Protein backbone atom coordinates (compact mmCIF):
# COMPACT_ATOMS: atom_id res chain seq x y z
CA MET A 1 -63.95 47.58 -216.00
CA GLU A 2 -61.30 49.95 -215.80
CA ASN A 3 -60.87 49.21 -212.24
CA PHE A 4 -60.59 45.72 -213.11
CA ALA A 5 -57.88 46.14 -215.79
CA SER A 6 -55.61 48.40 -213.60
CA GLN A 7 -55.67 45.06 -211.14
CA VAL A 8 -54.07 42.80 -213.78
CA LYS A 9 -52.18 45.03 -215.70
CA ARG A 10 -48.65 44.17 -215.00
CA PRO A 11 -45.25 45.43 -216.62
CA VAL A 12 -42.80 42.73 -218.33
CA ASN A 13 -39.79 41.64 -216.51
CA SER A 14 -36.20 41.01 -217.89
CA ARG A 15 -34.05 38.72 -216.83
CA PHE A 16 -31.46 36.20 -218.07
CA CYS A 17 -31.01 32.66 -217.34
CA ASN A 18 -28.92 29.80 -219.00
CA VAL A 19 -30.73 27.52 -221.31
CA SER A 20 -28.45 24.92 -223.32
CA SER A 21 -25.32 26.85 -221.90
CA TYR A 22 -26.08 29.91 -223.53
CA MET A 23 -26.90 32.97 -221.73
CA THR A 24 -30.74 33.67 -222.59
CA GLN A 25 -33.26 36.87 -222.18
CA LEU A 26 -36.59 36.56 -220.93
CA LEU A 27 -39.33 38.92 -220.90
CA GLU A 28 -41.99 37.48 -217.95
CA ILE A 29 -45.14 38.46 -216.71
CA ARG A 30 -46.14 35.72 -214.15
CA SER A 31 -49.63 34.88 -212.81
CA ASP A 32 -50.31 34.50 -209.30
CA ASP A 33 -52.57 31.80 -210.20
CA PRO A 34 -51.70 30.67 -213.89
CA LYS A 35 -54.38 28.46 -215.60
CA LEU A 36 -51.98 28.24 -218.72
CA HIS A 37 -48.40 29.36 -219.71
CA VAL A 38 -48.03 31.45 -223.26
CA VAL A 39 -44.41 31.09 -224.50
CA PHE A 40 -43.90 33.63 -227.26
CA ILE A 41 -40.98 32.99 -229.61
CA PRO A 42 -39.99 36.26 -231.63
CA GLY A 43 -39.26 36.68 -235.57
CA ASN A 44 -35.63 37.88 -236.85
CA PRO A 45 -34.53 40.04 -235.43
CA GLY A 46 -35.11 38.02 -232.33
CA VAL A 47 -35.24 41.22 -230.03
CA ILE A 48 -37.85 40.79 -227.56
CA ALA A 49 -38.00 44.18 -226.51
CA PHE A 50 -40.23 44.92 -229.76
CA TYR A 51 -43.06 42.74 -228.54
CA LYS A 52 -43.24 44.54 -224.74
CA ASP A 53 -46.62 46.13 -225.49
CA PHE A 54 -48.33 42.75 -227.21
CA LEU A 55 -47.18 40.97 -224.10
CA GLU A 56 -48.62 43.23 -221.70
CA SER A 57 -51.65 43.57 -223.45
CA LEU A 58 -51.70 39.55 -224.01
CA TYR A 59 -51.52 39.25 -219.98
CA GLU A 60 -54.12 41.88 -219.41
CA LEU A 61 -56.59 40.31 -221.53
CA PHE A 62 -56.54 36.90 -219.79
CA GLY A 63 -57.11 39.06 -216.68
CA GLY A 64 -53.97 37.81 -215.05
CA THR A 65 -54.64 33.89 -215.15
CA ALA A 66 -52.07 33.53 -217.74
CA SER A 67 -48.03 33.59 -217.41
CA ILE A 68 -46.49 34.84 -220.30
CA THR A 69 -42.90 34.33 -221.28
CA ALA A 70 -40.83 35.58 -224.03
CA ILE A 71 -37.62 34.29 -225.03
CA ALA A 72 -35.10 35.85 -227.25
CA HIS A 73 -32.68 34.26 -229.90
CA ILE A 74 -29.07 33.34 -228.63
CA SER A 75 -27.02 36.53 -229.28
CA HIS A 76 -30.22 38.97 -230.15
CA THR A 77 -29.42 40.77 -227.01
CA LYS A 78 -27.65 43.62 -225.61
CA ARG A 79 -24.52 42.08 -224.48
CA ASP A 80 -22.29 39.58 -226.74
CA TRP A 81 -22.07 36.80 -224.21
CA GLU A 82 -21.32 33.91 -227.05
CA ARG A 83 -19.05 35.80 -229.28
CA ARG A 84 -20.20 33.74 -232.41
CA LEU A 85 -23.36 33.05 -234.93
CA PHE A 86 -26.05 30.87 -234.56
CA SER A 87 -28.03 28.96 -237.11
CA LEU A 88 -31.97 28.55 -237.64
CA GLN A 89 -31.50 24.94 -236.52
CA GLU A 90 -29.37 26.06 -233.05
CA GLN A 91 -32.28 28.85 -231.98
CA ILE A 92 -34.86 25.77 -232.73
CA ASP A 93 -32.96 23.67 -230.62
CA HIS A 94 -32.49 26.19 -228.15
CA LYS A 95 -36.42 27.09 -227.56
CA VAL A 96 -36.89 23.26 -227.32
CA ASP A 97 -34.42 23.05 -224.49
CA PHE A 98 -35.97 25.83 -222.75
CA ILE A 99 -39.62 24.01 -222.75
CA LYS A 100 -37.99 21.03 -221.23
CA ASP A 101 -35.72 22.72 -218.73
CA GLU A 102 -38.16 25.43 -217.47
CA LEU A 103 -41.67 24.00 -218.16
CA TRP A 104 -41.71 20.15 -218.48
CA ASN A 105 -42.94 20.07 -215.14
CA SER A 106 -45.94 22.42 -215.47
CA GLU A 107 -49.21 21.33 -214.46
CA VAL A 108 -51.16 23.85 -216.37
CA PRO A 109 -51.70 23.93 -220.40
CA ILE A 110 -48.90 25.19 -222.88
CA VAL A 111 -49.36 27.30 -225.55
CA LEU A 112 -46.57 28.54 -228.13
CA VAL A 113 -46.90 31.44 -230.01
CA GLY A 114 -44.79 32.67 -232.41
CA HIS A 115 -44.08 35.30 -235.27
CA SER A 116 -42.71 35.11 -238.65
CA ILE A 117 -39.74 32.70 -238.43
CA GLY A 118 -40.68 32.40 -234.68
CA ALA A 119 -43.87 30.94 -236.34
CA TYR A 120 -41.68 28.03 -237.95
CA MET A 121 -39.59 27.57 -234.89
CA ALA A 122 -42.76 27.56 -232.75
CA LEU A 123 -43.67 24.39 -235.11
CA GLU A 124 -40.57 22.59 -234.99
CA SER A 125 -40.65 23.18 -231.22
CA LEU A 126 -44.21 21.58 -231.08
CA ARG A 127 -43.14 18.57 -233.31
CA ARG A 128 -40.26 17.77 -230.61
CA THR A 129 -43.04 18.64 -227.60
CA GLN A 130 -46.41 17.39 -228.39
CA GLU A 131 -46.52 15.54 -225.48
CA LYS A 132 -46.25 18.62 -223.41
CA VAL A 133 -47.48 21.30 -225.61
CA ASN A 134 -51.16 22.01 -226.14
CA TYR A 135 -51.59 24.47 -228.80
CA CYS A 136 -49.59 26.70 -231.21
CA VAL A 137 -50.34 29.90 -232.69
CA ALA A 138 -48.29 31.16 -235.79
CA LEU A 139 -48.77 34.95 -236.35
CA TYR A 140 -47.68 36.15 -239.86
CA PRO A 141 -45.69 33.32 -240.44
CA PHE A 142 -42.57 32.74 -242.81
CA LEU A 143 -42.74 28.97 -243.73
CA MET A 144 -41.83 29.04 -247.17
CA VAL A 145 -39.56 31.31 -249.39
CA ASN A 146 -41.18 33.62 -251.99
CA PRO A 147 -39.54 33.65 -255.18
CA GLU A 148 -41.65 36.50 -256.43
CA SER A 149 -40.63 38.80 -253.36
CA MET A 150 -37.94 41.28 -254.58
CA GLN A 151 -37.23 42.54 -250.92
CA GLN A 152 -36.80 38.84 -250.11
CA SER A 153 -34.63 38.53 -253.05
CA ILE A 154 -32.40 41.33 -251.73
CA VAL A 155 -32.45 40.21 -248.25
CA ALA A 156 -31.16 36.76 -249.28
CA LYS A 157 -28.21 38.11 -251.29
CA ILE A 158 -27.07 40.16 -248.55
CA SER A 159 -27.13 37.31 -245.83
CA ALA A 160 -25.61 34.91 -248.03
CA SER A 161 -22.45 37.04 -248.75
CA PHE A 162 -20.05 37.26 -245.63
CA ILE A 163 -18.60 40.65 -247.25
CA LEU A 164 -22.14 42.32 -247.79
CA SER A 165 -23.40 41.08 -244.30
CA PHE A 166 -20.30 42.36 -242.85
CA LEU A 167 -20.48 45.97 -244.36
CA VAL A 168 -24.37 46.26 -243.76
CA SER A 169 -23.76 45.33 -239.97
CA TYR A 170 -20.64 47.50 -239.79
CA ALA A 171 -22.66 50.49 -241.25
CA LEU A 172 -25.47 50.31 -239.13
CA ALA A 173 -23.65 49.66 -236.09
CA LEU A 174 -21.66 53.03 -236.47
CA LEU A 175 -24.89 54.66 -235.99
CA GLY A 176 -24.59 53.59 -232.38
CA LEU A 177 -21.95 56.13 -232.11
CA LEU A 178 -24.37 59.11 -232.56
CA PRO A 179 -25.83 60.59 -229.30
CA ARG A 180 -29.35 59.03 -228.71
CA TRP A 181 -31.31 62.08 -229.32
CA ALA A 182 -29.63 61.87 -233.02
CA LEU A 183 -29.65 58.00 -233.39
CA ARG A 184 -33.62 58.57 -232.43
CA LEU A 185 -33.84 61.26 -235.07
CA VAL A 186 -32.33 59.11 -237.80
CA VAL A 187 -34.60 56.05 -236.64
CA LEU A 188 -37.66 58.08 -236.89
CA THR A 189 -36.63 59.76 -240.63
CA LEU A 190 -36.30 56.01 -241.79
CA ILE A 191 -39.10 54.25 -240.46
CA GLY A 192 -41.71 57.27 -240.07
CA ARG A 193 -43.69 58.36 -237.21
CA ALA A 194 -46.04 55.27 -236.98
CA TRP A 195 -43.87 53.33 -234.63
CA SER A 196 -44.45 52.99 -231.11
CA ASN A 197 -42.04 54.26 -228.57
CA THR A 198 -41.74 50.96 -227.41
CA ALA A 199 -40.47 49.93 -230.98
CA ILE A 200 -38.00 53.09 -231.34
CA GLU A 201 -36.49 52.44 -228.06
CA ALA A 202 -35.77 48.87 -229.20
CA ALA A 203 -34.27 49.84 -232.53
CA CYS A 204 -32.11 52.74 -230.92
CA SER A 205 -30.95 50.21 -228.00
CA GLN A 206 -30.32 47.07 -229.81
CA LEU A 207 -30.29 47.34 -233.98
CA VAL A 208 -27.02 48.76 -233.72
CA LYS A 209 -25.29 46.29 -232.11
CA TYR A 210 -22.44 44.66 -234.50
CA HIS A 211 -23.18 41.03 -233.00
CA ILE A 212 -26.74 41.52 -233.11
CA LEU A 213 -26.90 42.36 -236.84
CA ARG A 214 -24.29 39.79 -238.09
CA ASN A 215 -26.34 37.07 -235.81
CA VAL A 216 -29.57 38.40 -237.70
CA LEU A 217 -28.24 38.28 -241.04
CA PHE A 218 -26.66 34.81 -240.25
CA LEU A 219 -30.00 33.32 -238.95
CA THR A 220 -31.53 34.93 -242.24
CA ASN A 221 -29.07 33.18 -244.64
CA SER A 222 -29.86 29.48 -242.89
CA GLU A 223 -33.85 30.88 -242.89
CA PHE A 224 -33.81 31.35 -246.66
CA ARG A 225 -31.70 27.70 -247.37
CA LYS A 226 -33.96 25.53 -245.22
CA LEU A 227 -37.47 27.37 -246.22
CA SER A 228 -36.81 26.73 -249.87
CA GLU A 229 -37.63 22.91 -249.11
CA THR A 230 -41.16 22.03 -249.11
CA PRO A 231 -42.87 22.00 -245.94
CA ASP A 232 -43.75 19.14 -243.76
CA TRP A 233 -47.43 18.70 -244.89
CA ILE A 234 -47.87 15.40 -243.14
CA PHE A 235 -46.75 16.67 -239.69
CA MET A 236 -48.96 19.80 -240.08
CA ARG A 237 -52.22 17.56 -241.04
CA GLU A 238 -51.24 15.28 -238.26
CA ASN A 239 -51.35 18.08 -235.93
CA ARG A 240 -54.03 20.38 -237.66
CA ASP A 241 -56.21 20.46 -234.22
CA LYS A 242 -53.27 22.12 -232.54
CA ILE A 243 -52.49 24.44 -235.04
CA THR A 244 -53.62 27.93 -236.00
CA LEU A 245 -52.29 30.54 -238.51
CA LEU A 246 -52.83 34.33 -238.98
CA PHE A 247 -51.56 35.88 -242.40
CA GLY A 248 -51.57 39.52 -243.31
CA GLN A 249 -53.34 41.01 -246.17
CA ASP A 250 -49.97 42.07 -248.03
CA ASP A 251 -47.20 40.54 -246.44
CA HIS A 252 -44.40 39.01 -248.75
CA TRP A 253 -43.40 37.09 -245.84
CA GLY A 254 -46.28 35.43 -245.95
CA PRO A 255 -47.90 35.71 -248.93
CA LEU A 256 -51.79 34.66 -249.48
CA LYS A 257 -50.79 32.02 -252.16
CA ILE A 258 -49.16 30.26 -249.17
CA PHE A 259 -52.31 30.86 -247.03
CA GLU A 260 -54.27 29.36 -250.27
CA GLU A 261 -51.51 26.22 -250.47
CA ILE A 262 -51.90 25.53 -246.64
CA SER A 263 -55.68 25.31 -247.17
CA LYS A 264 -55.12 22.78 -249.83
CA GLN A 265 -52.61 20.65 -248.46
CA VAL A 266 -54.09 20.74 -244.92
CA PRO A 267 -57.79 21.05 -245.10
CA GLY A 268 -59.46 21.79 -241.84
CA ILE A 269 -56.60 23.51 -240.30
CA SER A 270 -57.44 27.13 -238.57
CA LEU A 271 -56.45 29.96 -240.69
CA SER A 272 -57.58 33.40 -240.50
CA ILE A 273 -56.35 36.54 -242.68
CA GLU A 274 -55.79 40.16 -240.44
CA ARG A 275 -57.45 42.87 -242.66
CA GLU A 276 -57.21 45.86 -239.97
CA GLY A 277 -54.31 47.48 -241.73
CA HIS A 278 -51.67 46.13 -239.40
CA ASN A 279 -48.63 44.48 -241.22
CA HIS A 280 -46.12 41.95 -240.57
CA HIS A 281 -44.26 44.30 -238.28
CA PHE A 282 -47.30 44.47 -235.81
CA SER A 283 -45.40 44.78 -232.71
CA CYS A 284 -44.01 47.99 -233.61
CA THR A 285 -47.11 49.99 -233.06
CA GLU A 286 -49.63 50.22 -230.27
CA ALA A 287 -52.64 49.54 -232.30
CA GLY A 288 -51.05 46.59 -233.92
CA SER A 289 -49.72 45.12 -230.80
CA LEU A 290 -53.32 45.25 -229.12
CA TRP A 291 -55.27 43.97 -232.24
CA VAL A 292 -52.87 40.74 -232.51
CA ALA A 293 -53.20 40.24 -228.83
CA GLN A 294 -56.69 40.54 -228.87
CA HIS A 295 -56.95 37.86 -231.55
CA VAL A 296 -54.65 35.50 -229.83
CA ALA A 297 -56.38 35.76 -226.76
CA SER A 298 -59.63 34.62 -228.69
CA LEU A 299 -57.91 31.89 -230.05
CA ILE A 300 -56.75 30.37 -226.94
CA LYS A 301 -59.65 31.06 -225.08
CA GLY A 302 -62.10 29.14 -227.50
CA LYS A 303 -59.25 26.35 -227.69
CA LEU A 304 -58.45 26.00 -224.09
CA PRO A 305 -61.69 26.70 -222.36
CA ILE A 306 -59.59 26.55 -218.43
CA SER A 307 -57.81 29.65 -219.61
CA SER A 308 -60.81 32.01 -219.39
CA GLN A 309 -61.72 30.71 -215.84
């Protein structure tokens, strides 16, 4: 088994391409003989480097039969290509354009996997590409504002204020002036030592960029405005056979009351709860990345048997 795993294990490859006239970062692992294509949409921050361990584990679990592509959000990359801020709707349009530009002529099934607000983006992308996308997996989804969450309330107030957004972004960007060893020590102090080296490196290299931080907060503000609305239950009922959602046991972004509301509004939809002790930021630990990759692979293989051939 170890020899087989070593044969299918591949590192992600980073490349930039033009999508909707915007410079876009992709992390890819291409199969030599793909039976399906998994497109991953990150949460917010849309820094796909955080998901490197998850993506590589997912590829390995398919035995090299699936091509994997993760698409970053516009201006959530190291270089400030665009020099402006992008809303939730613009980020959704960007993902839809990527599917239409890059994958529309694909002859293998396409699966969308989204995390947090990326799950909402995946569902909205499914809405506009139903004739092409076969399945959508929503991980720890942020689909509705949680008025009982103090953390969401604080984040909403900061993101809604230009002054507070500027100050927070500027203060964190100043940390980027520290030597890397000192910045790493600060990150370890703030988040503890549970995070993987992959996640720590992503935080040190990208979450101290002013333009990324401003885009994170601008996107957050548009998320809160949009997700204050009632979800489109009709769309979810009509597409219940194409949608699966995974919730966390203690996740204020996707609390279990929303799990229960979806169960009530969309009977028969595939829902599950992760009870292994991983949290909303699953990709920041090696154990969380592996467990979620195993869960996603199992779901897809059960839905699309061709993927396990």
